[in-house]
């Protein structure tokens, strides 16, 4: 049997060696900057039995960091993509692409509440442009309470003053004697025009994507080796499906920007095509007010105005078809035209209490016009905001609200039958509530050839159609009434590169009595112009 004293001495010796080893390990771990946190294999303990022994006496002078062991365990469990060194960057970590076709009516996150005076002023301007004068007035008040000169801060931020050019010869030397002390030796260069800049892109190749890691092989770019003929055919098919996608190709590289600006044949196909061009515009009424094909159009089509084609323009070979597509009057089918109307009226003073102020009410309502390719249109007057209306502005909802019945041609009132139809056939409650006031109608544009045969003075005195005039006939307040609108296609932007044909300016609004043949004009004192807004749920308008 082993001596107890000898066993005790052996246990004391092992215990001292263990304590000294743990103390030495804790000191060296801080001086090596936590080498255990680096990826890679680490040497295990010298004895398997020591893993199960608890730490008896930790060092009092050099305590180990409490999170070191936890950090080591978390480092070991990280996937390989997160253990890259500092020189290797994740190629997809900074990519953030948005959808260019998003509209203003899609649900988005909650906007951040403004805090400073300038933020309140900017939010007020935004609300005012949307027609929400009540919210705009509230933000204006908060902004001026925080800073009385917030309007100057807004003006300096968004409309900074332009600096005037200085005196080129500040010295008192004669003008005939050049002064090298005040004049630069470099001659001023004139700015390059847009056509010259685009022409300089003709010989450039299509660059490929850079390598993910410096020094590595770049990813393949098959489109850079594609023949130009095949590339132009792809561009043509893309432009026919969606001209906006074709125009956005100019943002890819300089070579594609050159093709987007220069390929006149592609723009000619877009401008004259039936998809988005002038061939899809109607210059005669094709249907009646209920959307049925017009009887006079079926029986006699000899007096029909010709469609706008290549022969309509003088010298079509030298025409800039891209400019014609942007500037020629045409109706858009991929969205809705909205008119926001605001006006104020005095409110009534309460008889139950004494007040020093007279309340003022801000009244806001909206007019909606959605056009269809078959010559029909839906007109709606509502106090609901566009985000609540535009997705329900369809022919199907109008038919469901009215019970899906075909009414007599004279019975086209908006409050026609269909109220007794079962709710299962009337669509969602929201659509039923909104679309019961919608009016069906038809539309046509004035033909360009009719306006070129008369002078401006004759058209003004004789009431002849001018190019860009839009005529709309809709259902009226009863079976014997009909509403007639005349609007003009304009552009909201005065810039040459701005959006064209996105505004409908009022020219007249009448109510026509078919029994007495009387015309009654409506006053357009408060009404404002219509502006086009793209709606993604409408697709391409087919």
Protein backbone atom coordinates (compact mmCIF):
# COMPACT_ATOMS: atom_id res chain seq x y z
CA UNK A 1 0.00 0.00 0.00
CA UNK A 2 1.32 3.44 -0.95
CA UNK A 3 2.39 5.77 1.85
CA UNK A 4 -0.26 8.54 2.48
CA UNK A 5 2.46 11.19 2.99
CA UNK A 6 4.01 10.40 -0.37
CA UNK A 7 0.62 10.58 -2.12
CA UNK A 8 -0.11 13.91 -0.45
CA UNK A 9 3.19 15.41 -1.51
CA UNK A 10 2.64 14.21 -5.09
CA UNK A 11 -0.83 15.81 -5.13
CA UNK A 12 0.61 19.12 -3.81
CA UNK A 13 3.32 19.12 -6.47
CA UNK A 14 0.81 18.51 -9.28
CA UNK A 15 -1.47 21.22 -7.90
CA UNK A 16 1.37 23.83 -7.85
CA UNK A 17 2.39 22.94 -11.41
CA UNK A 18 -1.18 23.33 -12.57
CA UNK A 19 -1.64 26.74 -10.89
CA UNK A 20 1.66 28.07 -12.25
CA UNK A 21 0.80 26.84 -15.76
CA UNK A 22 -2.62 28.54 -15.69
CA UNK A 23 -1.12 31.82 -14.41
CA UNK A 24 1.58 31.79 -17.10
CA UNK A 25 -1.01 31.04 -19.79
CA UNK A 26 -3.19 33.98 -18.69
CA UNK A 27 -0.23 36.39 -18.86
CA UNK A 28 0.91 35.32 -22.32
CA UNK A 29 -2.63 35.40 -23.71
CA UNK A 30 -2.90 39.18 -23.21
CA UNK A 31 0.52 39.95 -24.68
CA UNK A 32 -0.19 37.95 -27.86
CA UNK A 33 -3.38 40.03 -28.60
CA UNK A 34 -5.66 37.06 -28.26
CA UNK A 35 -4.06 34.71 -30.74
CA UNK A 36 -6.75 32.20 -29.95
CA UNK A 37 -9.25 34.37 -31.88
CA UNK A 38 -7.48 33.78 -35.20
CA UNK A 39 -8.95 31.08 -37.48
CA UNK A 40 -7.02 27.84 -37.69
CA UNK A 41 -6.28 24.83 -35.53
CA UNK A 42 -5.19 25.44 -31.96
CA UNK A 43 -3.13 23.10 -29.82
CA UNK A 44 -5.20 21.24 -27.26
CA UNK A 45 -4.30 20.73 -23.59
CA UNK A 46 -1.38 18.55 -22.68
CA UNK A 47 -3.44 16.21 -20.53
CA UNK A 48 -6.97 15.01 -21.28
CA UNK A 49 -7.82 14.93 -17.58
CA UNK A 50 -7.15 18.67 -17.20
CA UNK A 51 -10.15 19.60 -19.40
CA UNK A 52 -12.54 18.42 -16.69
CA UNK A 53 -10.76 20.10 -13.77
CA UNK A 54 -12.14 23.44 -12.64
CA UNK A 55 -9.97 26.48 -12.23
CA UNK A 56 -9.06 26.47 -8.53
CA UNK A 57 -7.17 29.74 -8.07
CA UNK A 58 -7.30 32.28 -10.91
CA UNK A 59 -4.62 34.90 -11.00
CA UNK A 60 -5.32 38.04 -8.97
CA UNK A 61 -2.86 40.30 -10.84
CA UNK A 62 -3.63 39.37 -14.48
CA UNK A 63 -7.28 38.30 -14.81
CA UNK A 64 -8.16 36.81 -18.17
CA UNK A 65 -10.76 38.63 -20.31
CA UNK A 66 -14.23 37.26 -19.58
CA UNK A 67 -15.31 37.14 -23.23
CA UNK A 68 -12.20 35.52 -24.65
CA UNK A 69 -13.48 31.96 -24.51
CA UNK A 70 -16.89 32.96 -25.83
CA UNK A 71 -15.29 34.84 -28.72
CA UNK A 72 -13.21 31.81 -29.59
CA UNK A 73 -16.30 29.62 -29.72
CA UNK A 74 -18.17 32.14 -31.88
CA UNK A 75 -15.22 32.43 -34.23
CA UNK A 76 -15.09 28.69 -34.68
CA UNK A 77 -18.77 28.48 -35.62
CA UNK A 78 -18.70 31.23 -38.27
CA UNK A 79 -19.30 30.07 -41.85
CA UNK A 80 -16.55 30.32 -44.40
CA UNK A 81 -18.03 33.39 -46.10
CA UNK A 82 -17.75 35.39 -42.86
CA UNK A 83 -14.14 34.42 -42.12
CA UNK A 84 -12.68 36.33 -45.07
CA UNK A 85 -9.60 38.36 -44.38
CA UNK A 86 -9.62 42.16 -44.42
CA UNK A 87 -8.32 42.25 -48.01
CA UNK A 88 -11.18 40.21 -49.48
CA UNK A 89 -14.45 42.11 -49.90
CA UNK A 90 -17.87 40.62 -50.37
CA UNK A 91 -18.91 41.61 -53.93
CA UNK A 92 -22.64 41.61 -53.09
CA UNK A 93 -22.56 43.40 -49.76
CA UNK A 94 -23.05 46.91 -51.19
CA UNK A 95 -25.47 46.14 -54.01
CA UNK A 96 -28.82 47.88 -53.63
CA UNK A 97 -30.95 47.96 -56.75
CA UNK A 98 -34.41 49.49 -56.83
CA UNK A 99 -37.22 48.83 -59.25
CA UNK A 100 -37.34 51.61 -61.79
CA UNK A 101 -40.98 50.86 -62.56
CA UNK A 102 -42.20 51.48 -59.03
CA UNK A 103 -45.00 53.97 -58.83
CA UNK A 104 -46.20 56.36 -56.14
CA UNK A 105 -49.10 54.13 -55.11
CA UNK A 106 -47.16 51.06 -53.86
CA UNK A 107 -47.05 50.46 -50.07
CA UNK A 108 -43.79 51.64 -48.57
CA UNK A 109 -42.23 52.03 -45.15
CA UNK A 110 -43.26 54.67 -42.66
CA UNK A 111 -41.52 57.99 -43.30
CA UNK A 112 -39.25 59.37 -40.61
CA UNK A 113 -40.89 62.10 -38.56
CA UNK A 114 -39.15 65.48 -39.06
CA UNK A 115 -37.43 67.06 -36.08
CA UNK A 116 -35.65 70.23 -37.20
CA UNK A 117 -37.27 73.32 -38.68
CA UNK A 118 -35.80 72.65 -42.12
CA UNK A 119 -37.13 69.08 -42.14
CA UNK A 120 -40.61 70.34 -41.23
CA UNK A 121 -40.41 72.92 -44.02
CA UNK A 122 -39.34 70.30 -46.58
CA UNK A 123 -42.16 68.00 -45.48
CA UNK A 124 -44.62 70.89 -45.80
CA UNK A 125 -43.49 71.57 -49.38
CA UNK A 126 -43.88 67.87 -50.20
CA UNK A 127 -47.40 67.74 -48.74
CA UNK A 128 -48.36 70.91 -50.59
CA UNK A 129 -47.27 69.42 -53.92
CA UNK A 130 -49.48 66.37 -53.17
CA UNK A 131 -52.50 68.57 -52.51
CA UNK A 132 -52.65 67.88 -48.75
CA UNK A 133 -52.94 71.47 -47.62
CA UNK A 134 -54.01 70.60 -44.07
CA UNK A 135 -50.88 68.55 -43.33
CA UNK A 136 -48.77 71.13 -45.19
CA UNK A 137 -50.09 73.98 -43.06
CA UNK A 138 -49.37 72.03 -39.86
CA UNK A 139 -45.73 71.44 -40.86
CA UNK A 140 -45.32 75.10 -41.91
CA UNK A 141 -46.44 76.22 -38.46
CA UNK A 142 -44.06 73.85 -36.68
CA UNK A 143 -41.17 74.97 -38.91
CA UNK A 144 -41.68 78.69 -38.22
CA UNK A 145 -42.10 78.07 -34.52
CA UNK A 146 -38.67 76.45 -34.43
CA UNK A 147 -36.98 78.95 -36.75
CA UNK A 148 -38.46 82.18 -38.07
CA UNK A 149 -35.96 82.27 -40.96
CA UNK A 150 -36.42 78.68 -42.10
CA UNK A 151 -37.57 79.81 -45.56
CA UNK A 152 -34.15 81.37 -46.19
CA UNK A 153 -32.44 78.16 -45.09
CA UNK A 154 -34.62 76.17 -47.48
CA UNK A 155 -33.86 78.58 -50.32
CA UNK A 156 -30.11 78.44 -49.71
CA UNK A 157 -30.17 74.62 -49.59
CA UNK A 158 -32.29 73.88 -52.66
CA UNK A 159 -31.77 77.08 -54.68
CA UNK A 160 -28.23 78.29 -53.93
CA UNK A 161 -27.32 81.67 -55.41
CA UNK A 162 -25.08 81.59 -58.46
CA UNK A 163 -21.80 83.44 -58.15
CA UNK A 164 -21.17 86.22 -60.64
CA UNK A 165 -17.99 86.04 -62.75
CA UNK A 166 -15.23 88.22 -61.43
CA UNK A 167 -13.31 90.94 -63.24
CA UNK A 168 -10.93 89.24 -65.73
CA UNK A 169 -8.48 92.16 -65.48
CA UNK A 170 -8.51 93.41 -61.87
CA UNK A 171 -5.39 95.54 -62.26
CA UNK A 172 -5.31 99.08 -63.59
CA UNK A 173 -3.16 98.07 -66.58
CA UNK A 174 -4.45 98.94 -70.06
CA UNK A 175 -6.55 96.32 -71.77
CA UNK A 176 -4.21 96.21 -74.76
CA UNK A 177 -1.29 95.12 -72.58
CA UNK A 178 -1.70 91.50 -71.40
CA UNK A 179 -0.92 90.95 -67.74
CA UNK A 180 0.42 87.47 -67.09
CA UNK A 181 0.01 87.99 -63.37
CA UNK A 182 -3.75 88.11 -63.57
CA UNK A 183 -4.55 85.94 -66.60
CA UNK A 184 -4.27 82.18 -66.89
CA UNK A 185 -2.03 80.77 -69.57
CA UNK A 186 -4.67 78.14 -70.50
CA UNK A 187 -7.23 79.12 -73.11
CA UNK A 188 -10.89 78.64 -72.11
CA UNK A 189 -12.45 75.58 -73.72
CA UNK A 190 -16.03 75.57 -74.97
CA UNK A 191 -18.38 72.95 -73.49
CA UNK A 192 -18.94 69.90 -75.66
CA UNK A 193 -22.41 69.55 -77.17
CA UNK A 194 -24.53 66.47 -76.50
CA UNK A 195 -24.37 65.23 -80.11
CA UNK A 196 -20.57 65.51 -80.13
CA UNK A 197 -20.33 63.70 -76.82
CA UNK A 198 -22.57 60.85 -78.00
CA UNK A 199 -20.63 60.57 -81.28
CA UNK A 200 -17.42 60.05 -79.32
CA UNK A 201 -18.88 56.83 -77.83
CA UNK A 202 -19.25 55.08 -81.19
CA UNK A 203 -15.94 53.20 -81.20
CA UNK A 204 -15.94 52.18 -77.54
CA UNK A 205 -16.40 48.51 -76.57
CA UNK A 206 -18.85 47.19 -74.03
CA UNK A 207 -16.80 46.81 -70.82
CA UNK A 208 -17.20 43.70 -68.74
CA UNK A 209 -17.56 43.47 -65.00
CA UNK A 210 -14.33 43.89 -63.00
CA UNK A 211 -12.95 40.86 -61.13
CA UNK A 212 -14.26 40.23 -57.67
CA UNK A 213 -10.71 39.99 -56.28
CA UNK A 214 -7.84 42.10 -57.57
CA UNK A 215 -5.59 40.01 -59.75
CA UNK A 216 -8.24 37.33 -60.33
CA UNK A 217 -9.81 36.52 -63.70
CA UNK A 218 -12.72 38.81 -64.68
CA UNK A 219 -16.16 37.20 -65.11
CA UNK A 220 -17.20 36.54 -68.72
CA UNK A 221 -19.22 39.16 -70.65
CA UNK A 222 -20.84 37.48 -73.69
CA UNK A 223 -22.69 40.62 -74.82
CA UNK A 224 -19.38 42.40 -75.48
CA UNK A 225 -18.53 39.84 -78.20
CA UNK A 226 -21.99 39.87 -79.79
CA UNK A 227 -22.28 41.22 -83.36
CA UNK A 228 -23.87 44.64 -83.71
CA UNK A 229 -26.70 43.33 -85.93
CA UNK A 230 -27.86 40.87 -83.27
CA UNK A 231 -27.47 43.50 -80.56
CA UNK A 232 -29.70 45.95 -82.44
CA UNK A 233 -32.35 43.26 -82.93
CA UNK A 234 -32.41 42.65 -79.18
CA UNK A 235 -32.73 46.40 -78.61
CA UNK A 236 -35.63 46.60 -81.06
CA UNK A 237 -37.59 43.83 -79.34
CA UNK A 238 -36.93 45.41 -75.95
CA UNK A 239 -38.09 48.83 -77.16
CA UNK A 240 -41.33 47.42 -78.58
CA UNK A 241 -42.17 45.75 -75.26
CA UNK A 242 -41.23 48.72 -73.04
CA UNK A 243 -39.63 51.95 -74.35
CA UNK A 244 -38.67 52.97 -70.79
CA UNK A 245 -36.49 49.85 -70.42
CA UNK A 246 -34.82 50.58 -73.74
CA UNK A 247 -34.09 54.18 -72.69
CA UNK A 248 -32.57 52.98 -69.40
CA UNK A 249 -30.00 50.96 -71.35
CA UNK A 250 -28.15 54.26 -71.81
CA UNK A 251 -27.20 54.06 -68.12
CA UNK A 252 -25.27 50.79 -68.56
CA UNK A 253 -22.23 52.00 -70.52
CA UNK A 254 -21.19 54.51 -73.17
CA UNK A 255 -21.53 52.07 -76.06
CA UNK A 256 -25.17 51.30 -75.23
CA UNK A 257 -25.84 55.01 -74.69
CA UNK A 258 -24.59 55.60 -78.23
CA UNK A 259 -27.04 53.05 -79.67
CA UNK A 260 -29.96 54.42 -77.65
CA UNK A 261 -29.41 57.96 -78.94
CA UNK A 262 -28.34 57.20 -82.52
CA UNK A 263 -30.44 54.24 -83.74
CA UNK A 264 -33.19 56.20 -85.50
CA UNK A 265 -34.88 53.11 -86.96
CA UNK A 266 -35.65 51.76 -83.49
CA UNK A 267 -37.21 55.05 -82.45
CA UNK A 268 -39.17 55.15 -85.71
CA UNK A 269 -40.66 51.74 -84.91
CA UNK A 270 -41.61 52.96 -81.41
CA UNK A 271 -43.02 56.29 -82.61
CA UNK A 272 -45.17 54.78 -85.39
CA UNK A 273 -46.00 51.46 -83.74
CA UNK A 274 -49.39 50.56 -82.22
CA UNK A 275 -47.94 49.60 -78.84
CA UNK A 276 -46.90 53.03 -77.54
CA UNK A 277 -46.69 55.15 -80.67
CA UNK A 278 -49.01 57.17 -82.85
CA UNK A 279 -50.67 54.15 -84.48
CA UNK A 280 -52.35 53.41 -81.15
CA UNK A 281 -53.96 56.87 -80.95
CA UNK A 282 -57.60 57.32 -82.03
CA UNK A 283 -58.81 60.36 -83.97
CA UNK A 284 -62.50 59.31 -84.16
CA UNK A 285 -64.99 58.01 -81.63
CA UNK A 286 -64.95 54.21 -82.00
CA UNK A 287 -67.48 53.31 -79.29
CA UNK A 288 -70.58 54.65 -77.62
CA UNK A 289 -70.65 55.83 -74.02
CA UNK A 290 -71.18 52.29 -72.69
CA UNK A 291 -68.13 50.92 -74.53
CA UNK A 292 -70.01 49.21 -77.39
CA UNK A 293 -68.75 49.70 -80.92
CA UNK A 294 -70.30 52.78 -82.49
CA UNK A 295 -73.00 52.10 -85.10
CA UNK A 296 -71.82 54.84 -87.50
CA UNK A 297 -68.29 53.41 -87.32
CA UNK A 298 -69.59 49.98 -88.41
CA UNK A 299 -71.88 51.21 -91.24
CA UNK A 300 -69.78 54.02 -92.71
CA UNK A 301 -66.02 54.17 -92.36
CA UNK A 302 -65.35 56.33 -95.44
CA UNK A 303 -65.23 59.55 -93.41
CA UNK A 304 -62.79 58.14 -90.90
CA UNK A 305 -59.69 60.23 -90.37
CA UNK A 306 -56.46 58.50 -91.43
CA UNK A 307 -54.00 57.29 -88.82
CA UNK A 308 -50.76 59.15 -88.30
CA UNK A 309 -48.02 57.35 -90.23
CA UNK A 310 -44.70 58.11 -91.91
CA UNK A 311 -46.35 60.09 -94.73
CA UNK A 312 -47.92 62.51 -92.26
CA UNK A 313 -44.56 64.17 -91.64
CA UNK A 314 -42.63 66.23 -94.15
CA UNK A 315 -39.36 64.67 -95.30
CA UNK A 316 -39.63 61.56 -93.05
CA UNK A 317 -36.09 60.39 -93.88
CA UNK A 318 -34.53 63.37 -92.07
CA UNK A 319 -36.86 63.26 -89.07
CA UNK A 320 -35.59 62.69 -85.56
CA UNK A 321 -38.02 59.96 -84.53
CA UNK A 322 -36.86 60.01 -80.95
CA UNK A 323 -37.92 63.64 -80.67
CA UNK A 324 -41.22 62.88 -82.44
CA UNK A 325 -41.99 60.09 -79.98
CA UNK A 326 -41.36 62.38 -77.00
CA UNK A 327 -43.00 65.59 -78.25
CA UNK A 328 -45.89 64.50 -80.52
CA UNK A 329 -49.27 64.53 -78.72
CA UNK A 330 -50.31 61.06 -77.55
CA UNK A 331 -52.36 59.54 -74.75
CA UNK A 332 -50.66 57.21 -72.26
CA UNK A 333 -52.31 53.95 -71.21
CA UNK A 334 -49.91 52.76 -68.48
CA UNK A 335 -51.29 54.96 -65.72
CA UNK A 336 -53.93 57.47 -64.72
CA UNK A 337 -54.35 61.23 -65.09
CA UNK A 338 -55.11 62.93 -61.75
CA UNK A 339 -56.31 66.47 -61.04
CA UNK A 340 -55.99 67.66 -57.44
CA UNK A 341 -58.38 70.47 -56.59
CA UNK A 342 -58.05 72.59 -53.43
CA UNK A 343 -60.13 75.55 -52.42
CA UNK A 344 -61.10 77.28 -49.17
CA UNK A 345 -64.51 78.32 -47.88
CA UNK A 346 -65.59 80.08 -44.73
CA UNK A 347 -67.00 77.94 -41.96
CA UNK A 348 -69.90 78.69 -39.68
CA UNK A 349 -69.36 80.14 -36.20
CA UNK A 350 -70.80 78.05 -33.39
CA UNK A 351 -73.79 79.66 -31.66
CA UNK A 352 -73.02 77.89 -28.38
CA UNK A 353 -69.67 79.52 -27.72
CA UNK A 354 -68.01 82.89 -28.26
CA UNK A 355 -65.00 82.85 -30.56
CA UNK A 356 -62.79 85.59 -31.97
CA UNK A 357 -61.81 83.66 -35.09
CA UNK A 358 -63.89 82.50 -38.05
CA UNK A 359 -63.07 78.91 -39.11
CA UNK A 360 -61.85 78.31 -42.65
CA UNK A 361 -62.31 74.93 -44.33
CA UNK A 362 -59.83 73.58 -46.87
CA UNK A 363 -61.74 71.39 -49.33
CA UNK A 364 -59.81 68.82 -51.38
CA UNK A 365 -61.14 66.50 -54.06
CA UNK A 366 -59.68 64.62 -57.01
CA UNK A 367 -60.62 63.95 -60.62
CA UNK A 368 -59.40 60.75 -62.27
CA UNK A 369 -59.20 59.85 -65.97
CA UNK A 370 -58.03 56.45 -67.18
CA UNK A 371 -57.87 55.84 -70.94
CA UNK A 372 -58.05 52.51 -72.75
CA UNK A 373 -56.77 51.50 -76.16
CA UNK A 374 -60.23 50.64 -77.52
CA UNK A 375 -61.36 54.28 -77.23
CA UNK A 376 -63.12 54.07 -73.86
CA UNK A 377 -62.39 56.08 -70.74
CA UNK A 378 -63.38 56.00 -67.05
CA UNK A 379 -63.99 59.33 -65.29
CA UNK A 380 -64.28 59.57 -61.52
CA UNK A 381 -64.78 62.47 -59.11
CA UNK A 382 -63.94 61.50 -55.52
CA UNK A 383 -62.61 62.84 -52.24
CA UNK A 384 -60.52 59.68 -51.70
CA UNK A 385 -56.79 59.95 -52.21
CA UNK A 386 -55.13 58.34 -55.27
CA UNK A 387 -53.54 55.52 -53.29
CA UNK A 388 -57.05 54.31 -52.40
CA UNK A 389 -58.56 54.68 -55.88
CA UNK A 390 -56.16 53.91 -58.72
CA UNK A 391 -55.99 50.12 -58.17
CA UNK A 392 -59.80 49.85 -58.43
CA UNK A 393 -60.14 52.02 -61.55
CA UNK A 394 -60.83 49.15 -63.99
CA UNK A 395 -63.58 48.15 -66.41
CA UNK A 396 -64.25 44.97 -64.47
CA UNK A 397 -65.06 46.87 -61.28
CA UNK A 398 -67.39 49.22 -63.14
CA UNK A 399 -69.27 46.25 -64.65
CA UNK A 400 -69.44 44.43 -61.32
CA UNK A 401 -70.75 47.47 -59.47
CA UNK A 402 -73.51 47.92 -62.05
CA UNK A 403 -74.50 44.27 -61.87
CA UNK A 404 -72.95 43.24 -65.19
CA UNK A 405 -76.18 44.10 -67.05
CA UNK A 406 -76.41 45.76 -70.45
CA UNK A 407 -78.57 48.87 -70.08
CA UNK A 408 -80.56 50.70 -72.68
CA UNK A 409 -78.45 53.24 -74.63
CA UNK A 410 -80.40 56.10 -73.02
CA UNK A 411 -80.07 54.64 -69.53
CA UNK A 412 -76.45 55.39 -68.82
CA UNK A 413 -76.77 57.15 -65.49
CA UNK A 414 -74.06 56.44 -62.93
CA UNK A 415 -76.73 55.44 -60.41
CA UNK A 416 -78.17 52.84 -62.74
CA UNK A 417 -79.30 49.35 -61.82
CA UNK A 418 -76.96 47.06 -60.02
CA UNK A 419 -77.59 48.21 -56.48
CA UNK A 420 -79.86 45.21 -55.91
CA UNK A 421 -77.28 42.74 -57.18
CA UNK A 422 -75.80 40.36 -54.63
CA UNK A 423 -72.65 41.48 -52.91
CA UNK A 424 -70.75 38.47 -54.27
CA UNK A 425 -71.08 39.94 -57.78
CA UNK A 426 -70.37 43.53 -56.81
CA UNK A 427 -66.69 43.07 -56.02
CA UNK A 428 -64.87 44.10 -52.84
CA UNK A 429 -66.62 46.61 -50.57
CA UNK A 430 -63.92 49.22 -51.16
CA UNK A 431 -64.21 48.97 -54.94
CA UNK A 432 -68.00 48.97 -54.74
CA UNK A 433 -68.02 52.14 -52.66
CA UNK A 434 -65.55 53.96 -54.91
CA UNK A 435 -66.64 52.83 -58.36
CA UNK A 436 -70.38 53.38 -57.96
CA UNK A 437 -69.78 57.03 -58.93
CA UNK A 438 -67.52 56.22 -61.92
CA UNK A 439 -68.70 57.40 -65.35
CA UNK A 440 -68.07 55.49 -68.57
CA UNK A 441 -67.21 57.39 -71.72
CA UNK A 442 -65.16 57.64 -74.92
CA UNK A 443 -62.28 59.76 -76.16
CA UNK A 444 -60.55 60.96 -79.32
CA UNK A 445 -57.67 63.22 -80.31
CA UNK A 446 -57.68 65.96 -82.93
CA UNK A 447 -55.98 64.90 -86.15
CA UNK A 448 -52.75 66.79 -87.01
CA UNK A 449 -53.71 67.21 -90.69
CA UNK A 450 -56.90 69.13 -89.83
CA UNK A 451 -55.00 71.81 -87.95
CA UNK A 452 -52.41 72.34 -90.72
CA UNK A 453 -55.06 73.40 -93.22
CA UNK A 454 -56.05 76.52 -91.23
CA UNK A 455 -54.31 79.42 -89.60
CA UNK A 456 -54.22 80.05 -85.87
CA UNK A 457 -56.66 82.96 -86.18
CA UNK A 458 -59.19 80.88 -88.14
CA UNK A 459 -59.01 78.06 -85.59
CA UNK A 460 -59.60 80.51 -82.74
CA UNK A 461 -62.60 82.21 -84.36
CA UNK A 462 -64.24 79.21 -86.03
CA UNK A 463 -63.61 76.75 -83.19
CA UNK A 464 -61.57 74.36 -85.33
CA UNK A 465 -59.62 71.64 -83.54
CA UNK A 466 -55.97 72.32 -82.87
CA UNK A 467 -53.30 69.67 -82.74
CA UNK A 468 -53.11 68.12 -79.30
CA UNK A 469 -56.75 68.71 -78.35
CA UNK A 470 -58.46 65.88 -76.49
CA UNK A 471 -62.25 65.37 -76.53
CA UNK A 472 -64.02 63.24 -73.92
CA UNK A 473 -67.71 62.36 -73.71
CA UNK A 474 -68.98 60.64 -70.56
CA UNK A 475 -72.26 59.69 -68.95
CA UNK A 476 -74.16 62.48 -67.27
CA UNK A 477 -76.31 62.95 -64.20
CA UNK A 478 -79.31 61.29 -65.84
CA UNK A 479 -80.38 59.33 -68.92
CA UNK A 480 -80.79 62.45 -71.05
CA UNK A 481 -77.58 64.23 -70.06
CA UNK A 482 -74.01 63.86 -71.29
CA UNK A 483 -70.80 65.50 -70.12
CA UNK A 484 -68.29 66.80 -72.66
CA UNK A 485 -64.70 67.78 -71.84
CA UNK A 486 -62.13 69.46 -74.04
CA UNK A 487 -58.53 69.38 -72.87
CA UNK A 488 -55.13 70.12 -74.39
CA UNK A 489 -52.07 67.89 -74.15
CA UNK A 490 -49.22 69.86 -72.62
CA UNK A 491 -45.91 69.23 -70.86
CA UNK A 492 -45.42 69.95 -67.18
CA UNK A 493 -41.69 70.60 -67.65
CA UNK A 494 -40.38 73.56 -69.63
CA UNK A 495 -37.00 71.91 -70.10
CA UNK A 496 -36.11 70.41 -73.45
CA UNK A 497 -35.12 67.13 -71.80
CA UNK A 498 -38.13 67.03 -69.46
CA UNK A 499 -41.10 64.69 -69.60
CA UNK A 500 -43.51 65.54 -72.44
CA UNK A 501 -47.26 64.99 -72.88
CA UNK A 502 -47.90 64.31 -69.19
CA UNK A 503 -50.35 67.16 -68.56
CA UNK A 504 -53.98 67.76 -69.62
CA UNK A 505 -54.98 71.42 -69.50
CA UNK A 506 -58.64 72.36 -69.28
CA UNK A 507 -60.22 74.14 -72.27
CA UNK A 508 -63.90 73.57 -71.57
CA UNK A 509 -66.46 71.48 -69.69
CA UNK A 510 -70.14 71.27 -70.69
CA UNK A 511 -73.33 69.38 -69.92
CA UNK A 512 -75.45 68.47 -72.95
CA UNK A 513 -79.19 67.77 -72.84
CA UNK A 514 -80.01 65.32 -75.63
CA UNK A 515 -83.77 65.96 -75.48
CA UNK A 516 -83.70 69.75 -75.64
CA UNK A 517 -80.33 70.09 -77.42
CA UNK A 518 -79.11 72.58 -74.82
CA UNK A 519 -75.50 73.15 -73.76
CA UNK A 520 -74.68 74.32 -70.21
CA UNK A 521 -71.06 75.18 -69.41
CA UNK A 522 -69.46 74.35 -66.07
CA UNK A 523 -67.35 76.95 -64.30
CA UNK A 524 -63.72 75.86 -63.93
CA UNK A 525 -62.81 78.33 -61.21
CA UNK A 526 -61.18 75.85 -58.84
CA UNK A 527 -60.33 72.99 -61.20
CA UNK A 528 -56.69 72.32 -61.99
CA UNK A 529 -54.88 70.47 -64.77
CA UNK A 530 -54.49 66.68 -64.89
CA UNK A 531 -51.05 65.15 -64.45
CA UNK A 532 -50.07 61.63 -65.50
CA UNK A 533 -48.92 59.09 -62.91
CA UNK A 534 -47.59 55.65 -63.77
CA UNK A 535 -49.43 52.76 -62.07
CA UNK A 536 -47.45 49.54 -61.93
CA UNK A 537 -50.51 47.29 -61.55
CA UNK A 538 -51.80 48.45 -64.96
CA UNK A 539 -48.85 46.78 -66.67
CA UNK A 540 -48.20 48.08 -70.17
CA UNK A 541 -51.79 49.13 -70.69
CA UNK A 542 -52.94 46.29 -72.93
